[in-house]
Amino acid sequence: MPREILVVGIATGTLEHLTLEAVDALRRIDVVLVADKRQDTADLTAWRSDVCARVRDDDGPRVIAVPDPDRGPDATRDATAYATGVRDWHRARVDAYEAVLRDLPEDDVIGFLVWGDPAYYDSTLRIVDALAERISLDCHVIPGIGAVSLLAARHRIHLNRIGHPVHITTGRRLLQEYAAHGADLGDIVVMLDGYLRCTELAATHPDLWIYWGAYLGSEREELRSGRLGDLADELRTLRAALKESHGWVMDTYLLRHP
């Protein structure tokens, strides 16, 4: 009998942003597996437990923190080394999760609670697919309200203008893609940009408009919008202060041509 896995998008931990489908899934889960990265992100694990507790009448699911393998120095790797490093990291994660799953009762419903939506730059589904090659699994995915949707809602904007495309990319790829295609990319949503690569465009493209948000949907939420040339220094300073204060930052932004 396949083991049931529920991959649930839980938005940013705000109860009001859970879908009814997500609430039903959280009420069925027996065990939640969480990647234990470091003490700085302990509050992310606590938020997962809190979300479950607020939608259930019992003590909630058992939460198992699985030590997360070291990912390595992403910032200093070129594209090939980065891809190889991520694949190695995924394999090590699969090994760790498999060891835990084999010790759990087969009828336990296992949950992976994903920030935002599992479809956007998240490795959980790849991990589950790899686990399914080793263990018989029945996986169901429940979408969530992600940072991209919340960014648009908080700034009260469309992600695209009439007849224009939307390009979603990462901070690692932004400068290369912008240099090659410029305005042809349309409106650009950037995720996973720990170094605010957009600020490197401020000198040459100061009139780009940026809509930025951090900790979207949480009580820590920060929003900024305006000309990139005017905001670049402020965003660098603010993001550094937020990371120093909380140990981590989840942010995303939209770049738009004037």
Protein backbone atom coordinates (compact mmCIF):
# COMPACT_ATOMS: atom_id res chain seq x y z
CA MET A 1 0.00 0.00 0.00
CA PRO A 2 1.51 3.37 -0.99
CA ARG A 3 2.33 5.82 1.77
CA GLU A 4 0.23 9.00 1.50
CA ILE A 5 2.14 12.27 1.16
CA LEU A 6 0.47 15.69 1.25
CA VAL A 7 2.49 18.65 -0.04
CA VAL A 8 0.59 21.67 1.26
CA GLY A 9 1.13 25.29 0.30
CA ILE A 10 0.61 27.27 3.52
CA ALA A 11 1.16 30.79 2.19
CA THR A 12 3.34 32.67 4.68
CA GLY A 13 1.96 31.20 7.86
CA THR A 14 -1.01 33.54 8.05
CA LEU A 15 -4.16 31.57 8.80
CA GLU A 16 -6.34 33.87 6.68
CA HIS A 17 -4.34 32.92 3.57
CA LEU A 18 -4.90 29.18 3.87
CA THR A 19 -7.26 27.71 1.31
CA LEU A 20 -10.09 25.47 2.51
CA GLU A 21 -8.38 22.59 0.72
CA ALA A 22 -5.20 23.28 2.68
CA VAL A 23 -7.14 23.34 5.97
CA ASP A 24 -8.68 19.94 5.19
CA ALA A 25 -5.23 18.55 4.37
CA LEU A 26 -3.68 19.89 7.59
CA ARG A 27 -6.40 18.16 9.60
CA ARG A 28 -5.50 14.81 8.04
CA ILE A 29 -1.74 14.89 8.49
CA ASP A 30 -0.18 12.66 11.17
CA VAL A 31 3.47 13.64 10.78
CA VAL A 32 5.05 16.82 9.40
CA LEU A 33 8.61 16.60 8.11
CA VAL A 34 10.60 19.83 8.34
CA ALA A 35 14.10 20.58 7.10
CA ASP A 36 16.09 21.69 10.17
CA LYS A 37 18.51 24.21 8.69
CA ARG A 38 19.88 26.19 11.63
CA GLN A 39 18.85 28.05 14.75
CA ASP A 40 18.27 31.26 12.77
CA THR A 41 15.24 29.72 11.09
CA ALA A 42 13.77 28.00 14.14
CA ASP A 43 10.80 30.36 14.00
CA LEU A 44 9.84 28.95 10.59
CA THR A 45 9.44 25.52 12.17
CA ALA A 46 7.44 27.03 15.02
CA TRP A 47 5.15 28.81 12.56
CA ARG A 48 4.39 25.52 10.83
CA SER A 49 3.35 23.98 14.14
CA ASP A 50 1.26 27.05 14.97
CA VAL A 51 -0.59 26.91 11.64
CA CYS A 52 -1.52 23.28 12.28
CA ALA A 53 -2.57 23.97 15.86
CA ARG A 54 -4.90 26.79 14.80
CA VAL A 55 -6.92 24.64 12.38
CA ARG A 56 -7.13 21.44 14.46
CA ASP A 57 -8.99 20.44 17.59
CA ASP A 58 -6.35 17.96 18.76
CA ASP A 59 -2.68 18.32 19.72
CA GLY A 60 -1.75 18.58 16.07
CA PRO A 61 0.57 16.40 14.00
CA ARG A 62 3.92 15.20 15.21
CA VAL A 63 6.65 17.46 13.80
CA ILE A 64 9.98 15.84 12.94
CA ALA A 65 12.88 18.18 12.20
CA VAL A 66 15.23 16.45 9.75
CA PRO A 67 18.79 17.88 9.77
CA ASP A 68 19.30 19.58 6.43
CA PRO A 69 22.52 18.72 4.55
CA ASP A 70 25.00 21.49 3.87
CA ARG A 71 24.24 23.08 0.51
CA GLY A 72 27.60 24.72 -0.06
CA PRO A 73 28.78 28.15 -1.27
CA ASP A 74 26.16 28.99 -3.92
CA ALA A 75 27.30 32.58 -4.33
CA THR A 76 30.77 31.62 -5.58
CA ARG A 77 29.63 28.95 -8.05
CA ASP A 78 29.10 29.34 -11.77
CA ALA A 79 25.91 27.99 -13.35
CA THR A 80 27.29 24.47 -13.89
CA ALA A 81 28.73 24.13 -10.39
CA TYR A 82 25.55 25.59 -8.91
CA ALA A 83 23.34 23.03 -10.67
CA THR A 84 25.63 20.19 -9.60
CA GLY A 85 25.66 21.43 -6.01
CA VAL A 86 21.88 21.65 -5.86
CA ARG A 87 21.48 18.13 -7.27
CA ASP A 88 23.94 16.77 -4.69
CA TRP A 89 22.06 18.61 -1.95
CA HIS A 90 18.76 17.14 -3.15
CA ARG A 91 20.18 13.61 -3.11
CA ALA A 92 21.41 14.09 0.46
CA ARG A 93 17.97 15.40 1.45
CA VAL A 94 16.29 12.37 -0.11
CA ASP A 95 18.60 10.07 1.87
CA ALA A 96 17.72 11.87 5.11
CA TYR A 97 13.95 11.82 4.51
CA GLU A 98 13.98 8.20 3.40
CA ALA A 99 15.67 7.13 6.64
CA VAL A 100 12.96 8.90 8.67
CA LEU A 101 10.05 7.57 6.58
CA ARG A 102 11.17 3.96 6.88
CA ASP A 103 10.91 4.23 10.68
CA LEU A 104 7.33 5.58 10.64
CA PRO A 105 4.11 3.51 10.56
CA GLU A 106 3.02 2.93 6.97
CA ASP A 107 -0.48 4.29 7.57
CA ASP A 108 0.76 7.67 8.85
CA VAL A 109 -0.17 10.53 6.52
CA ILE A 110 3.01 12.54 5.93
CA GLY A 111 2.91 16.27 5.35
CA PHE A 112 5.39 18.68 3.81
CA LEU A 113 4.26 22.24 4.56
CA VAL A 114 5.63 24.57 1.90
CA TRP A 115 5.87 28.34 2.29
CA GLY A 116 3.85 30.06 -0.40
CA ASP A 117 3.06 27.74 -3.28
CA PRO A 118 4.96 24.50 -4.06
CA ALA A 119 5.08 25.46 -7.76
CA TYR A 120 7.49 28.40 -7.37
CA TYR A 121 11.20 27.76 -6.82
CA ASP A 122 10.75 25.12 -4.15
CA SER A 123 12.49 21.75 -4.07
CA THR A 124 9.85 19.76 -2.17
CA LEU A 125 8.18 18.17 -5.19
CA ARG A 126 11.56 17.15 -6.63
CA ILE A 127 12.44 15.55 -3.30
CA VAL A 128 9.12 13.69 -3.18
CA ASP A 129 9.54 12.49 -6.78
CA ALA A 130 12.97 11.12 -5.90
CA LEU A 131 11.59 9.46 -2.77
CA ALA A 132 8.90 7.81 -4.91
CA GLU A 133 11.67 6.01 -6.80
CA ARG A 134 12.65 4.30 -3.53
CA ILE A 135 9.38 4.07 -1.58
CA SER A 136 5.82 3.52 -2.82
CA LEU A 137 4.11 6.89 -2.41
CA ASP A 138 0.73 8.44 -3.20
CA CYS A 139 1.40 12.19 -3.39
CA HIS A 140 -1.18 14.97 -3.46
CA VAL A 141 -0.29 18.65 -3.93
CA ILE A 142 -2.37 21.48 -2.47
CA PRO A 143 -1.51 24.91 -3.90
CA GLY A 144 -1.11 27.96 -1.71
CA ILE A 145 -1.09 31.74 -1.97
CA GLY A 146 2.49 32.52 -2.86
CA ALA A 147 4.74 35.56 -2.60
CA VAL A 148 4.12 36.51 -6.23
CA SER A 149 0.37 36.85 -5.69
CA LEU A 150 0.84 38.60 -2.35
CA LEU A 151 3.32 41.06 -3.84
CA ALA A 152 0.78 42.16 -6.45
CA ALA A 153 -2.03 42.34 -3.89
CA ARG A 154 -0.05 44.37 -1.36
CA HIS A 155 1.02 46.91 -3.98
CA ARG A 156 -2.45 46.85 -5.59
CA ILE A 157 -1.04 46.20 -9.06
CA HIS A 158 -1.29 43.78 -11.96
CA LEU A 159 1.83 41.73 -12.59
CA ASN A 160 1.57 42.55 -16.28
CA ARG A 161 0.55 45.49 -18.40
CA ILE A 162 -1.86 45.10 -21.32
CA GLY A 163 -0.38 42.81 -23.95
CA HIS A 164 2.91 42.41 -22.07
CA PRO A 165 4.45 39.15 -20.82
CA VAL A 166 5.52 38.37 -17.27
CA HIS A 167 8.99 36.91 -16.80
CA ILE A 168 9.71 35.07 -13.53
CA THR A 169 13.36 34.46 -12.71
CA THR A 170 15.90 34.36 -9.89
CA GLY A 171 18.42 36.87 -8.66
CA ARG A 172 21.20 34.61 -9.93
CA ARG A 173 19.93 34.94 -13.52
CA LEU A 174 18.58 38.51 -13.53
CA LEU A 175 21.59 40.46 -14.79
CA GLN A 176 22.45 37.96 -17.52
CA GLU A 177 18.88 37.79 -18.79
CA TYR A 178 18.37 41.53 -18.63
CA ALA A 179 21.59 42.19 -20.54
CA ALA A 180 20.48 39.80 -23.27
CA HIS A 181 16.83 40.80 -23.61
CA GLY A 182 16.16 44.04 -21.74
CA ALA A 183 12.63 45.39 -22.12
CA ASP A 184 11.63 42.37 -24.24
CA LEU A 185 11.38 40.38 -21.00
CA GLY A 186 8.30 42.42 -20.10
CA ASP A 187 7.50 42.76 -16.42
CA ILE A 188 10.07 40.85 -14.36
CA VAL A 189 9.29 39.06 -11.11
CA VAL A 190 12.48 38.15 -9.24
CA MET A 191 12.65 35.52 -6.50
CA LEU A 192 15.48 34.04 -4.44
CA ASP A 193 17.62 37.17 -4.67
CA GLY A 194 19.66 37.24 -1.50
CA TYR A 195 22.00 39.85 -2.93
CA LEU A 196 19.46 42.26 -4.46
CA ARG A 197 21.02 41.98 -7.90
CA CYS A 198 18.49 44.53 -9.14
CA THR A 199 20.47 47.27 -7.41
CA GLU A 200 23.29 46.63 -9.90
CA LEU A 201 20.93 47.89 -12.61
CA ALA A 202 20.29 51.18 -10.80
CA ALA A 203 23.23 53.07 -12.33
CA THR A 204 22.39 52.18 -15.94
CA HIS A 205 18.60 51.85 -15.67
CA PRO A 206 17.58 54.18 -12.83
CA ASP A 207 14.06 54.70 -14.20
CA LEU A 208 13.07 51.06 -13.78
CA TRP A 209 10.21 50.91 -11.30
CA ILE A 210 10.48 48.39 -8.47
CA TYR A 211 7.74 46.92 -6.28
CA TRP A 212 9.47 45.11 -3.40
CA GLY A 213 8.13 43.15 -0.46
CA ALA A 214 9.65 41.13 2.39
CA TYR A 215 7.98 38.72 4.83
CA LEU A 216 4.81 39.14 2.76
CA GLY A 217 1.65 38.26 4.63
CA SER A 218 3.31 38.20 8.05
CA GLU A 219 3.43 40.69 10.90
CA ARG A 220 6.98 41.59 9.80
CA GLU A 221 5.88 42.65 6.32
CA GLU A 222 7.88 45.43 4.65
CA LEU A 223 6.93 47.12 1.35
CA ARG A 224 8.70 49.62 -0.85
CA SER A 225 8.00 50.93 -4.37
CA GLY A 226 9.46 53.61 -6.59
CA ARG A 227 12.28 54.37 -9.04
CA LEU A 228 15.08 51.85 -8.73
CA GLY A 229 17.61 54.67 -8.85
CA ASP A 230 15.99 56.28 -5.82
CA LEU A 231 15.47 53.11 -3.77
CA ALA A 232 18.55 50.97 -4.44
CA ASP A 233 20.60 52.17 -1.45
CA GLU A 234 17.61 52.10 0.90
CA LEU A 235 16.72 48.54 -0.10
CA ARG A 236 20.26 47.30 0.43
CA THR A 237 20.39 48.87 3.89
CA LEU A 238 16.92 47.71 4.88
CA ARG A 239 17.42 44.12 3.73
CA ALA A 240 20.72 43.85 5.61
CA ALA A 241 19.08 45.19 8.77
CA LEU A 242 16.17 42.74 8.48
CA LYS A 243 18.50 39.79 8.05
CA GLU A 244 20.60 40.92 11.01
CA SER A 245 17.47 41.25 13.14
CA HIS A 246 15.64 38.04 12.17
CA GLY A 247 18.37 35.77 10.83
CA TRP A 248 16.65 35.29 7.46
CA VAL A 249 14.73 37.24 4.83
CA MET A 250 12.10 36.09 2.36
CA ASP A 251 11.54 38.80 -0.25
CA THR A 252 10.53 39.20 -3.87
CA TYR A 253 10.05 42.08 -6.25
CA LEU A 254 8.71 43.20 -9.61
CA LEU A 255 10.74 45.29 -12.05
CA ARG A 256 8.80 47.35 -14.59
CA HIS A 257 9.97 49.57 -17.44
CA PRO A 258 8.68 53.15 -17.33
